[in-house]
Amino acid sequence: MLRPAFLALLLTGATVPVFAQPSSETVPLLREIKQWVVGCDNLRNCHALSAPSGVDEEDYSSLTLHIWHQAGPQGYPRLRFDHRGQDVDLSTLLLDGQPLGQELTRELHVELDDQGGDPEVQSYGVIDDAATRRWLQRLRNGQRLQLPGEGAAHVSLSGLSASLLLMDAVQGRVDNVTALARPGKGAASEVPPRAPTPILRKFTPAPPLTAQEQAGLVAAALQAVTPEEGEPEAKAGALTARQAMTVTRYDCAAYNCEFNVSSRERQAPYTETLMDLQPLPLEDAALQGSVGYDEASGTLSYFYKQRGIGDCGGGASWVFDGKRFQLSEFHRMPRCTGVGYGDWPSLWSTVPAP
């Protein structure tokens, strides 16, 4: 997952007012390019990661290469390898069958995870701007990275150059000195400034539901669904002194369920009220899978698994401000490659209310 210092810089990096060249891509953006996935958020921060597509029998690799590039003239690139399994020595990496060389691998540093991630994942990052660019210059014309003696530890570079070019286009860097794919002569000051990070409005906790309110709201929520099989389950939580949220789960499959999410009056007959939910910014995204509401923080969230181990799918959260649910984060991963949720491309970034 993104380490705290890096995430903070992504969200708070300075911008410089300039005459910007227009970007040719709209955001948020999520795209699959050969053996890679690229995601760019509402601020035009971009993340590309190696993700085998299943073509040519490449359906899994224990080694993932992540590349991030912050938006704006002063935005910097970062690179990180994640290996799932036993400790490995990345100094032995081969590029198209030839040793990559100590001049690059000595720039890799072990990154410790203090965020409760997968203990089986070891991370090795390049934290210097110039060193990251040297890595990318070497890799973008290659075909494959491989750890000798580790058949499953490989990274296909098919699609890397196109992914870097897409990131450059999203950030207005094409033919610029700051470009990752094909650096040009344009000055860094010509890159569009990074957009201001949206600041969430504060949630004020409401009086907790009484036992009578809880029972009445759950009963009303259960009556609103007609499951095809099994017994539905409903939970309720306070929104305001007059409104509550109900979340009803029904028709569960192996690892996802159907959900009915409603805002209701706290008093009988617990009538449904208008729920203003900021829409997800991709057309095929939906509130599904596993849905929950935390009344202590006013947070509504979902996590959708494309398969049981939860290494692909989507997830988002919203924070209630007393009137509207504000989208606070959104992640998607279209390919099932063993990558945990914390390392899926982020498509929406915000900062908490002060």
Protein backbone atom coordinates (compact mmCIF):
# COMPACT_ATOMS: atom_id res chain seq x y z
CA MET A 1 0.00 0.00 0.00
CA LEU A 2 1.05 3.62 -0.29
CA ARG A 3 3.31 4.51 2.60
CA PRO A 4 2.07 7.41 4.83
CA ALA A 5 4.77 9.92 3.86
CA PHE A 6 4.25 9.30 0.15
CA LEU A 7 0.44 9.52 0.45
CA ALA A 8 0.71 12.79 2.36
CA LEU A 9 2.90 14.28 -0.36
CA LEU A 10 0.49 13.13 -3.05
CA LEU A 11 -2.37 14.92 -1.32
CA THR A 12 -0.57 18.07 -0.22
CA GLY A 13 2.16 18.69 -2.79
CA ALA A 14 2.62 22.30 -3.80
CA THR A 15 1.50 23.60 -7.18
CA VAL A 16 2.78 26.52 -9.22
CA PRO A 17 0.41 28.75 -11.21
CA VAL A 18 1.45 28.55 -14.87
CA PHE A 19 0.05 28.82 -18.36
CA ALA A 20 -0.80 25.15 -18.79
CA GLN A 21 -1.04 23.01 -21.86
CA PRO A 22 -4.43 21.24 -21.94
CA SER A 23 -4.64 17.55 -21.03
CA SER A 24 -6.12 15.23 -23.63
CA GLU A 25 -7.67 12.86 -21.06
CA THR A 26 -10.50 13.23 -18.57
CA VAL A 27 -10.27 11.95 -15.00
CA PRO A 28 -10.86 9.83 -13.04
CA LEU A 29 -9.48 7.28 -15.48
CA LEU A 30 -9.00 3.50 -15.33
CA ARG A 31 -7.54 1.65 -18.28
CA GLU A 32 -6.04 -1.76 -19.08
CA ILE A 33 -3.09 -1.73 -21.50
CA LYS A 34 -1.69 -5.15 -22.41
CA GLN A 35 -0.04 -6.45 -19.20
CA TRP A 36 -0.62 -3.23 -17.23
CA VAL A 37 -3.39 -1.32 -15.45
CA VAL A 38 -3.37 2.49 -15.18
CA GLY A 39 -5.50 4.58 -12.86
CA CYS A 40 -5.54 8.37 -12.40
CA ASP A 41 -7.56 10.12 -9.72
CA ASN A 42 -9.55 13.37 -9.66
CA LEU A 43 -6.30 15.29 -9.01
CA ARG A 44 -4.56 13.64 -12.01
CA ASN A 45 -2.19 11.70 -9.77
CA CYS A 46 -1.50 8.48 -11.68
CA HIS A 47 -0.59 4.92 -10.75
CA ALA A 48 0.43 2.16 -13.16
CA LEU A 49 1.02 -1.43 -12.06
CA SER A 50 1.99 -4.61 -13.80
CA ALA A 51 -1.03 -6.93 -13.99
CA PRO A 52 -0.90 -10.10 -16.11
CA SER A 53 -3.92 -10.28 -18.40
CA GLY A 54 -3.94 -14.05 -18.81
CA VAL A 55 -2.83 -13.80 -22.44
CA ASP A 56 0.04 -16.14 -23.40
CA GLU A 57 -0.54 -18.13 -20.17
CA GLU A 58 0.58 -15.22 -17.99
CA ASP A 59 -2.15 -15.35 -15.39
CA TYR A 60 -0.10 -14.86 -12.23
CA SER A 61 3.16 -13.35 -11.03
CA SER A 62 4.47 -13.10 -7.48
CA LEU A 63 6.26 -9.86 -8.46
CA THR A 64 4.39 -6.60 -9.10
CA LEU A 65 5.91 -3.34 -10.29
CA HIS A 66 4.13 -0.13 -9.22
CA ILE A 67 4.82 3.29 -10.75
CA TRP A 68 3.29 6.50 -9.36
CA HIS A 69 3.55 10.01 -10.74
CA GLN A 70 2.17 13.01 -8.87
CA ALA A 71 0.40 15.64 -10.97
CA GLY A 72 1.67 19.20 -11.45
CA PRO A 73 4.94 20.84 -12.53
CA GLN A 74 6.71 19.67 -9.39
CA GLY A 75 5.11 16.23 -9.39
CA TYR A 76 7.61 13.44 -8.91
CA PRO A 77 7.67 9.78 -10.00
CA ARG A 78 8.15 6.83 -7.65
CA LEU A 79 8.70 3.13 -8.29
CA ARG A 80 8.19 0.06 -6.09
CA PHE A 81 8.45 -3.71 -6.46
CA ASP A 82 6.24 -5.95 -4.31
CA HIS A 83 7.07 -9.63 -3.96
CA ARG A 84 4.60 -12.11 -2.45
CA GLY A 85 6.29 -15.07 -0.79
CA GLN A 86 9.79 -15.72 0.50
CA ASP A 87 12.41 -12.96 0.70
CA VAL A 88 14.21 -12.46 -2.61
CA ASP A 89 17.33 -10.68 -3.80
CA LEU A 90 16.28 -8.14 -6.43
CA SER A 91 19.90 -7.35 -7.22
CA THR A 92 19.80 -10.48 -9.42
CA LEU A 93 16.94 -9.20 -11.61
CA LEU A 94 17.28 -10.03 -15.29
CA LEU A 95 16.04 -7.76 -18.07
CA ASP A 96 15.39 -9.80 -21.22
CA GLY A 97 17.74 -12.47 -19.89
CA GLN A 98 20.60 -10.12 -19.01
CA PRO A 99 21.57 -8.83 -15.54
CA LEU A 100 19.91 -5.50 -14.86
CA GLY A 101 23.04 -4.22 -13.17
CA GLN A 102 24.07 -2.81 -9.80
CA GLU A 103 23.86 0.79 -11.04
CA LEU A 104 20.08 0.40 -10.93
CA THR A 105 19.40 -2.28 -8.30
CA ARG A 106 21.50 -0.48 -5.67
CA GLU A 107 18.83 2.25 -5.74
CA LEU A 108 16.25 -0.20 -4.35
CA HIS A 109 15.51 0.14 -0.64
CA VAL A 110 13.40 -2.10 1.56
CA GLU A 111 10.12 -0.42 2.49
CA LEU A 112 8.59 -1.46 5.81
CA ASP A 113 4.81 -1.66 6.06
CA ASP A 114 3.40 -0.23 9.29
CA GLN A 115 -0.18 -0.16 8.01
CA GLY A 116 -1.14 -3.76 8.75
CA GLY A 117 -0.71 -5.04 5.20
CA ASP A 118 0.00 -8.57 4.02
CA PRO A 119 3.00 -9.90 6.02
CA GLU A 120 3.87 -12.15 3.07
CA VAL A 121 4.61 -9.11 0.86
CA GLN A 122 8.09 -7.58 0.75
CA SER A 123 8.43 -4.13 -0.82
CA TYR A 124 11.49 -2.57 -2.44
CA GLY A 125 11.24 1.06 -3.55
CA VAL A 126 13.17 3.70 -5.45
CA ILE A 127 12.57 7.00 -3.67
CA ASP A 128 14.81 9.34 -5.66
CA ASP A 129 13.37 11.22 -8.65
CA ALA A 130 16.44 10.91 -10.87
CA ALA A 131 16.93 7.24 -9.99
CA THR A 132 13.29 6.46 -10.81
CA ARG A 133 13.70 8.08 -14.21
CA ARG A 134 16.84 6.03 -14.86
CA TRP A 135 14.91 2.86 -14.08
CA LEU A 136 12.06 3.78 -16.40
CA GLN A 137 14.40 4.78 -19.21
CA ARG A 138 15.99 1.34 -19.01
CA LEU A 139 12.75 -0.63 -18.69
CA ARG A 140 10.43 1.06 -21.17
CA ASN A 141 12.06 -0.55 -24.21
CA GLY A 142 12.46 -3.98 -22.59
CA GLN A 143 10.20 -7.01 -22.74
CA ARG A 144 10.44 -8.83 -19.43
CA LEU A 145 11.93 -8.68 -15.95
CA GLN A 146 12.65 -12.02 -14.28
CA LEU A 147 14.16 -13.23 -11.03
CA PRO A 148 16.45 -16.17 -11.82
CA GLY A 149 15.31 -19.39 -10.18
CA GLU A 150 11.88 -17.91 -9.40
CA GLY A 151 9.60 -18.94 -12.25
CA ALA A 152 6.58 -17.02 -10.95
CA ALA A 153 8.53 -13.85 -10.14
CA HIS A 154 8.41 -11.88 -13.36
CA VAL A 155 7.10 -8.60 -14.76
CA SER A 156 5.98 -8.31 -18.36
CA LEU A 157 6.92 -4.92 -19.76
CA SER A 158 4.43 -5.27 -22.62
CA GLY A 159 2.31 -2.14 -22.34
CA LEU A 160 4.66 -0.23 -20.04
CA SER A 161 5.63 2.42 -22.60
CA ALA A 162 1.98 3.00 -23.55
CA SER A 163 1.04 3.21 -19.86
CA LEU A 164 3.70 5.85 -19.22
CA LEU A 165 2.55 7.78 -22.28
CA LEU A 166 -1.03 7.70 -21.00
CA MET A 167 0.09 9.04 -17.62
CA ASP A 168 1.96 11.83 -19.41
CA ALA A 169 -1.13 12.68 -21.48
CA VAL A 170 -3.38 12.78 -18.40
CA GLN A 171 -0.98 15.16 -16.66
CA GLY A 172 -0.23 17.34 -19.70
CA ARG A 173 3.42 16.25 -19.90
CA VAL A 174 3.71 15.01 -23.50
CA ASP A 175 6.95 16.38 -25.02
CA ASN A 176 7.82 17.93 -21.66
CA VAL A 177 11.09 17.52 -19.78
CA THR A 178 9.09 15.90 -16.97
CA ALA A 179 7.51 13.23 -19.22
CA LEU A 180 8.10 9.57 -18.34
CA ALA A 181 7.56 8.02 -21.78
CA ARG A 182 9.36 10.41 -24.13
CA PRO A 183 10.87 13.43 -22.39
CA GLY A 184 10.85 16.49 -24.66
CA LYS A 185 11.99 20.10 -24.51
CA GLY A 186 8.97 21.75 -22.90
CA ALA A 187 9.70 23.45 -19.60
CA ALA A 188 8.35 21.96 -16.38
CA SER A 189 6.45 25.21 -15.80
CA GLU A 190 4.27 24.39 -18.83
CA VAL A 191 2.75 21.38 -17.05
CA PRO A 192 -0.78 22.08 -15.76
CA PRO A 193 -0.97 22.71 -12.00
CA ARG A 194 -2.36 20.01 -9.78
CA ALA A 195 -6.00 20.59 -8.86
CA PRO A 196 -6.76 21.50 -5.23
CA THR A 197 -7.59 18.47 -3.11
CA PRO A 198 -11.30 18.47 -2.10
CA ILE A 199 -11.74 19.01 1.64
CA LEU A 200 -14.55 16.99 3.19
CA ARG A 201 -17.16 18.80 5.23
CA LYS A 202 -17.33 17.71 8.86
CA PHE A 203 -19.68 15.04 10.16
CA THR A 204 -21.47 15.81 13.42
CA PRO A 205 -22.56 12.63 15.23
CA ALA A 206 -26.29 12.37 15.86
CA PRO A 207 -28.00 11.14 19.02
CA PRO A 208 -27.86 7.32 18.99
CA LEU A 209 -30.96 5.35 18.10
CA THR A 210 -33.19 4.19 20.93
CA ALA A 211 -34.08 0.51 21.18
CA GLN A 212 -37.57 1.34 19.88
CA GLU A 213 -36.20 3.27 16.90
CA GLN A 214 -33.73 0.49 16.14
CA ALA A 215 -36.43 -2.18 16.15
CA GLY A 216 -38.86 -0.14 14.05
CA LEU A 217 -36.26 0.83 11.45
CA VAL A 218 -34.99 -2.74 11.06
CA ALA A 219 -38.54 -4.03 10.62
CA ALA A 220 -39.31 -1.38 7.98
CA ALA A 221 -36.08 -2.14 6.13
CA LEU A 222 -36.80 -5.88 6.06
CA GLN A 223 -40.27 -5.28 4.67
CA ALA A 224 -38.80 -3.28 1.77
CA VAL A 225 -36.97 -6.26 0.21
CA THR A 226 -38.18 -9.48 -1.38
CA PRO A 227 -35.31 -11.96 -1.31
CA GLU A 228 -35.25 -14.88 -3.71
CA GLU A 229 -33.67 -17.17 -1.12
CA GLY A 230 -32.55 -17.05 2.50
CA GLU A 231 -33.43 -14.62 5.25
CA PRO A 232 -32.46 -10.95 4.86
CA GLU A 233 -30.59 -9.07 7.58
CA ALA A 234 -30.89 -5.36 8.34
CA LYS A 235 -28.97 -2.85 10.44
CA ALA A 236 -29.78 0.75 11.33
CA GLY A 237 -27.68 3.72 12.41
CA ALA A 238 -28.32 7.38 13.22
CA LEU A 239 -27.78 10.07 10.57
CA THR A 240 -29.36 13.13 12.20
CA ALA A 241 -31.77 13.74 15.05
CA ARG A 242 -34.59 13.00 12.57
CA GLN A 243 -33.03 10.63 10.05
CA ALA A 244 -31.44 7.19 10.15
CA MET A 245 -29.66 4.91 7.71
CA THR A 246 -30.74 1.33 7.09
CA VAL A 247 -28.62 -1.27 5.29
CA THR A 248 -30.34 -4.54 4.33
CA ARG A 249 -28.40 -7.58 3.11
CA TYR A 250 -30.07 -10.33 1.11
CA ASP A 251 -29.56 -12.92 -1.66
CA CYS A 252 -25.94 -13.64 -0.80
CA ALA A 253 -23.76 -15.61 -3.21
CA ALA A 254 -20.30 -17.02 -2.46
CA TYR A 255 -18.72 -13.71 -1.37
CA ASN A 256 -21.04 -10.89 -2.46
CA CYS A 257 -24.60 -9.98 -1.49
CA GLU A 258 -27.38 -7.72 -2.69
CA PHE A 259 -27.97 -4.62 -0.55
CA ASN A 260 -30.76 -2.12 -0.08
CA VAL A 261 -29.45 1.14 1.40
CA SER A 262 -32.01 3.72 2.54
CA SER A 263 -32.38 6.92 4.51
CA ARG A 264 -35.49 6.88 6.73
CA GLU A 265 -37.33 8.97 9.28
CA ARG A 266 -36.51 7.93 12.83
CA GLN A 267 -40.14 7.90 13.86
CA ALA A 268 -42.94 5.54 12.80
CA PRO A 269 -43.88 4.71 10.10
CA TYR A 270 -40.13 5.08 9.27
CA THR A 271 -40.77 6.49 5.82
CA GLU A 272 -37.93 6.54 3.32
CA THR A 273 -36.39 9.97 2.75
CA LEU A 274 -34.23 11.32 -0.05
CA MET A 275 -30.62 10.17 0.30
CA ASP A 276 -28.18 12.48 -1.45
CA LEU A 277 -25.23 10.24 -2.36
CA GLN A 278 -22.42 11.68 -4.48
CA PRO A 279 -22.25 9.31 -7.47
CA LEU A 280 -19.24 7.17 -8.23
CA PRO A 281 -17.28 8.70 -11.11
CA LEU A 282 -17.20 5.59 -13.35
CA GLU A 283 -20.31 4.40 -15.17
CA ASP A 284 -19.89 0.71 -14.35
CA ALA A 285 -19.24 1.25 -10.61
CA ALA A 286 -22.00 0.49 -8.11
CA LEU A 287 -22.69 0.22 -4.38
CA GLN A 288 -22.50 -3.58 -4.08
CA GLY A 289 -20.68 -6.57 -2.64
CA SER A 290 -20.41 -5.80 1.08
CA VAL A 291 -21.94 -2.55 2.36
CA GLY A 292 -21.79 -0.99 5.80
CA TYR A 293 -22.59 2.22 7.67
CA ASP A 294 -20.64 3.47 10.71
CA GLU A 295 -22.77 5.94 12.67
CA ALA A 296 -19.81 7.06 14.81
CA SER A 297 -18.02 8.54 11.79
CA GLY A 298 -20.96 8.97 9.40
CA THR A 299 -19.19 6.72 6.89
CA LEU A 300 -20.94 4.59 4.29
CA SER A 301 -18.67 2.14 2.49
CA TYR A 302 -18.67 -0.81 0.14
CA PHE A 303 -16.20 -3.48 -0.96
CA TYR A 304 -16.92 -5.63 -4.01
CA LYS A 305 -14.90 -8.79 -4.70
CA GLN A 306 -14.52 -10.18 -8.19
CA ARG A 307 -13.23 -13.36 -6.56
CA GLY A 308 -13.09 -14.77 -3.06
CA ILE A 309 -9.60 -13.68 -1.96
CA GLY A 310 -10.51 -10.06 -2.64
CA ASP A 311 -7.59 -9.12 -4.88
CA CYS A 312 -9.77 -7.45 -7.52
CA GLY A 313 -13.03 -5.52 -7.62
CA GLY A 314 -13.92 -2.12 -6.23
CA GLY A 315 -14.40 -0.17 -3.05
CA ALA A 316 -15.42 3.31 -1.95
CA SER A 317 -16.47 5.30 1.08
CA TRP A 318 -18.61 8.38 1.68
CA VAL A 319 -18.83 10.73 4.67
CA PHE A 320 -22.14 12.34 5.68
CA ASP A 321 -22.06 16.10 6.28
CA GLY A 322 -25.56 16.46 7.69
CA LYS A 323 -27.18 16.74 4.27
CA ARG A 324 -25.14 14.81 1.72
CA PHE A 325 -22.83 11.80 1.50
CA GLN A 326 -19.51 13.11 0.13
CA LEU A 327 -17.34 10.65 -1.77
CA SER A 328 -14.11 10.39 0.24
CA GLU A 329 -12.21 7.62 -1.59
CA PHE A 330 -12.64 5.22 -4.51
CA HIS A 331 -10.45 2.31 -5.63
CA ARG A 332 -10.77 -0.15 -8.49
CA MET A 333 -8.73 -3.14 -9.66
CA PRO A 334 -10.05 -4.89 -12.79
CA ARG A 335 -7.56 -7.78 -12.79
CA CYS A 336 -7.11 -10.52 -10.18
CA THR A 337 -3.35 -10.64 -9.66
CA GLY A 338 -2.85 -11.04 -5.90
CA VAL A 339 -2.64 -7.29 -5.20
CA GLY A 340 -4.27 -6.18 -1.94
CA TYR A 341 -6.90 -3.43 -1.73
CA GLY A 342 -4.44 -0.86 -0.36
CA ASP A 343 -2.45 -1.06 -3.59
CA TRP A 344 -5.35 -0.82 -6.04
CA PRO A 345 -5.39 2.33 -8.21
CA SER A 346 -6.94 5.25 -6.34
CA LEU A 347 -9.50 7.09 -8.47
CA TRP A 348 -10.74 9.65 -5.95
CA SER A 349 -8.72 11.54 -3.34
CA THR A 350 -9.82 13.93 -0.60
CA VAL A 351 -8.59 15.23 2.75
CA PRO A 352 -10.60 14.96 5.98
CA ALA A 353 -12.43 17.89 7.46
CA PRO A 354 -10.19 20.06 9.68
